[in-house]
Amino acid sequence: MLLPMSRPAADLRTRVHQVLEMIRPAIQADGGDVELVGVEPDGTVTLRFRGACVSCPSRNITLQGSIEHNLRERVPEVRAVHAVNR
């Protein structure tokens, strides 16, 4: 059984999602995509790359240089951003 998210957690997830939607067109322009897997109360964001990003040698640069930078700048509660393979 899934427990409902607390209001602050839901708000944090919503704001993270909004930033990802803002930068998604740039990622999709190169044939890739990113999926929000989770946002922990401690500010850890977990993402999954899709499409061309899965095998792209620059995905770590995209993750840290673009995605993490934008998230941390626009959502100060974000402390870390990680990608998962599955």
C-alpha atoms as a PDB file:
ATOM      1  CA  MET A   1       0.000   0.000   0.000  1.00  0.00           C
ATOM      2  CA  LEU A   2       1.361   3.402  -0.976  1.00  0.00           C
ATOM      3  CA  LEU A   3       1.154   6.140   1.581  1.00  0.00           C
ATOM      4  CA  PRO A   4       0.199   9.610   0.386  1.00  0.00           C
ATOM      5  CA  MET A   5       3.086  12.047   0.074  1.00  0.00           C
ATOM      6  CA  SER A   6       3.263  14.817   2.612  1.00  0.00           C
ATOM      7  CA  ARG A   7       2.451  18.272   1.284  1.00  0.00           C
ATOM      8  CA  PRO A   8       6.081  19.527   1.290  1.00  0.00           C
ATOM      9  CA  ALA A   9       7.263  16.354  -0.488  1.00  0.00           C
ATOM     10  CA  ALA A  10       4.538  16.672  -3.124  1.00  0.00           C
ATOM     11  CA  ASP A  11       5.414  20.332  -3.641  1.00  0.00           C
ATOM     12  CA  LEU A  12       9.117  19.533  -4.019  1.00  0.00           C
ATOM     13  CA  ARG A  13       8.374  16.815  -6.579  1.00  0.00           C
ATOM     14  CA  THR A  14       6.099  19.186  -8.501  1.00  0.00           C
ATOM     15  CA  ARG A  15       8.766  21.885  -8.660  1.00  0.00           C
ATOM     16  CA  VAL A  16      11.434  19.388  -9.769  1.00  0.00           C
ATOM     17  CA  HIS A  17       9.053  18.107 -12.461  1.00  0.00           C
ATOM     18  CA  GLN A  18       8.424  21.671 -13.688  1.00  0.00           C
ATOM     19  CA  VAL A  19      12.151  22.328 -14.114  1.00  0.00           C
ATOM     20  CA  LEU A  20      12.602  19.052 -15.992  1.00  0.00           C
ATOM     21  CA  GLU A  21       9.730  19.992 -18.304  1.00  0.00           C
ATOM     22  CA  MET A  22      11.456  23.318 -18.959  1.00  0.00           C
ATOM     23  CA  ILE A  23      14.766  21.717 -20.017  1.00  0.00           C
ATOM     24  CA  ARG A  24      13.276  18.592 -21.647  1.00  0.00           C
ATOM     25  CA  PRO A  25      13.055  20.122 -25.178  1.00  0.00           C
ATOM     26  CA  ALA A  26      16.834  20.597 -25.276  1.00  0.00           C
ATOM     27  CA  ILE A  27      17.372  16.960 -24.301  1.00  0.00           C
ATOM     28  CA  GLN A  28      14.770  15.735 -26.779  1.00  0.00           C
ATOM     29  CA  ALA A  29      16.361  17.783 -29.565  1.00  0.00           C
ATOM     30  CA  ASP A  30      19.291  15.359 -29.424  1.00  0.00           C
ATOM     31  CA  GLY A  31      17.032  12.294 -29.485  1.00  0.00           C
ATOM     32  CA  GLY A  32      17.018  11.659 -25.758  1.00  0.00           C
ATOM     33  CA  ASP A  33      14.732  12.157 -22.830  1.00  0.00           C
ATOM     34  CA  VAL A  34      14.755  12.062 -19.050  1.00  0.00           C
ATOM     35  CA  GLU A  35      12.226  10.586 -16.638  1.00  0.00           C
ATOM     36  CA  LEU A  36      11.757  11.625 -13.036  1.00  0.00           C
ATOM     37  CA  VAL A  37      12.008   8.461 -10.935  1.00  0.00           C
ATOM     38  CA  GLY A  38      11.875   9.976  -7.473  1.00  0.00           C
ATOM     39  CA  VAL A  39      12.486  12.882  -5.142  1.00  0.00           C
ATOM     40  CA  GLU A  40      13.526  12.083  -1.591  1.00  0.00           C
ATOM     41  CA  PRO A  41      12.748  14.363   1.362  1.00  0.00           C
ATOM     42  CA  ASP A  42      16.501  14.977   1.771  1.00  0.00           C
ATOM     43  CA  GLY A  43      16.604  16.633  -1.666  1.00  0.00           C
ATOM     44  CA  THR A  44      18.016  13.701  -3.642  1.00  0.00           C
ATOM     45  CA  VAL A  45      16.543  13.481  -7.142  1.00  0.00           C
ATOM     46  CA  THR A  46      16.671  10.253  -9.132  1.00  0.00           C
ATOM     47  CA  LEU A  47      16.301  10.289 -12.909  1.00  0.00           C
ATOM     48  CA  ARG A  48      16.309   7.752 -15.720  1.00  0.00           C
ATOM     49  CA  PHE A  49      17.672   8.610 -19.148  1.00  0.00           C
ATOM     50  CA  ARG A  50      15.743   7.478 -22.210  1.00  0.00           C
ATOM     51  CA  GLY A  51      16.363   7.307 -25.945  1.00  0.00           C
ATOM     52  CA  ALA A  52      19.728   8.439 -27.240  1.00  0.00           C
ATOM     53  CA  CYS A  53      20.791   9.522 -23.753  1.00  0.00           C
ATOM     54  CA  VAL A  54      21.057   5.903 -22.605  1.00  0.00           C
ATOM     55  CA  SER A  55      24.206   5.246 -24.617  1.00  0.00           C
ATOM     56  CA  CYS A  56      25.479   8.806 -24.971  1.00  0.00           C
ATOM     57  CA  PRO A  57      29.054   9.291 -23.728  1.00  0.00           C
ATOM     58  CA  SER A  58      28.124  12.842 -22.673  1.00  0.00           C
ATOM     59  CA  ARG A  59      25.234  11.870 -20.420  1.00  0.00           C
ATOM     60  CA  ASN A  60      27.203  12.563 -17.221  1.00  0.00           C
ATOM     61  CA  ILE A  61      27.966  16.040 -18.507  1.00  0.00           C
ATOM     62  CA  THR A  62      24.275  16.511 -19.312  1.00  0.00           C
ATOM     63  CA  LEU A  63      23.306  15.202 -15.886  1.00  0.00           C
ATOM     64  CA  GLN A  64      25.687  17.341 -13.859  1.00  0.00           C
ATOM     65  CA  GLY A  65      26.291  20.313 -16.124  1.00  0.00           C
ATOM     66  CA  SER A  66      22.762  20.985 -17.245  1.00  0.00           C
ATOM     67  CA  ILE A  67      20.125  19.038 -15.343  1.00  0.00           C
ATOM     68  CA  GLU A  68      21.637  19.193 -11.857  1.00  0.00           C
ATOM     69  CA  HIS A  69      22.707  22.802 -12.326  1.00  0.00           C
ATOM     70  CA  ASN A  70      19.191  23.868 -13.361  1.00  0.00           C
ATOM     71  CA  LEU A  71      17.510  21.893 -10.610  1.00  0.00           C
ATOM     72  CA  ARG A  72      19.768  23.213  -7.852  1.00  0.00           C
ATOM     73  CA  GLU A  73      19.461  26.774  -9.126  1.00  0.00           C
ATOM     74  CA  ARG A  74      15.662  26.734  -9.386  1.00  0.00           C
ATOM     75  CA  VAL A  75      14.812  24.345  -6.516  1.00  0.00           C
ATOM     76  CA  PRO A  76      17.193  25.128  -3.641  1.00  0.00           C
ATOM     77  CA  GLU A  77      16.134  22.028  -1.678  1.00  0.00           C
ATOM     78  CA  VAL A  78      17.754  19.778  -4.310  1.00  0.00           C
ATOM     79  CA  ARG A  79      21.006  18.454  -2.848  1.00  0.00           C
ATOM     80  CA  ALA A  80      21.995  15.737  -5.322  1.00  0.00           C
ATOM     81  CA  VAL A  81      20.903  14.305  -8.665  1.00  0.00           C
ATOM     82  CA  HIS A  82      21.533  10.689  -9.653  1.00  0.00           C
ATOM     83  CA  ALA A  83      20.693   8.613 -12.706  1.00  0.00           C
ATOM     84  CA  VAL A  84      19.594   4.999 -12.569  1.00  0.00           C
ATOM     85  CA  ASN A  85      19.770   2.475 -15.380  1.00  0.00           C
ATOM     86  CA  ARG A  86      16.500   0.676 -14.683  1.00  0.00           C
END
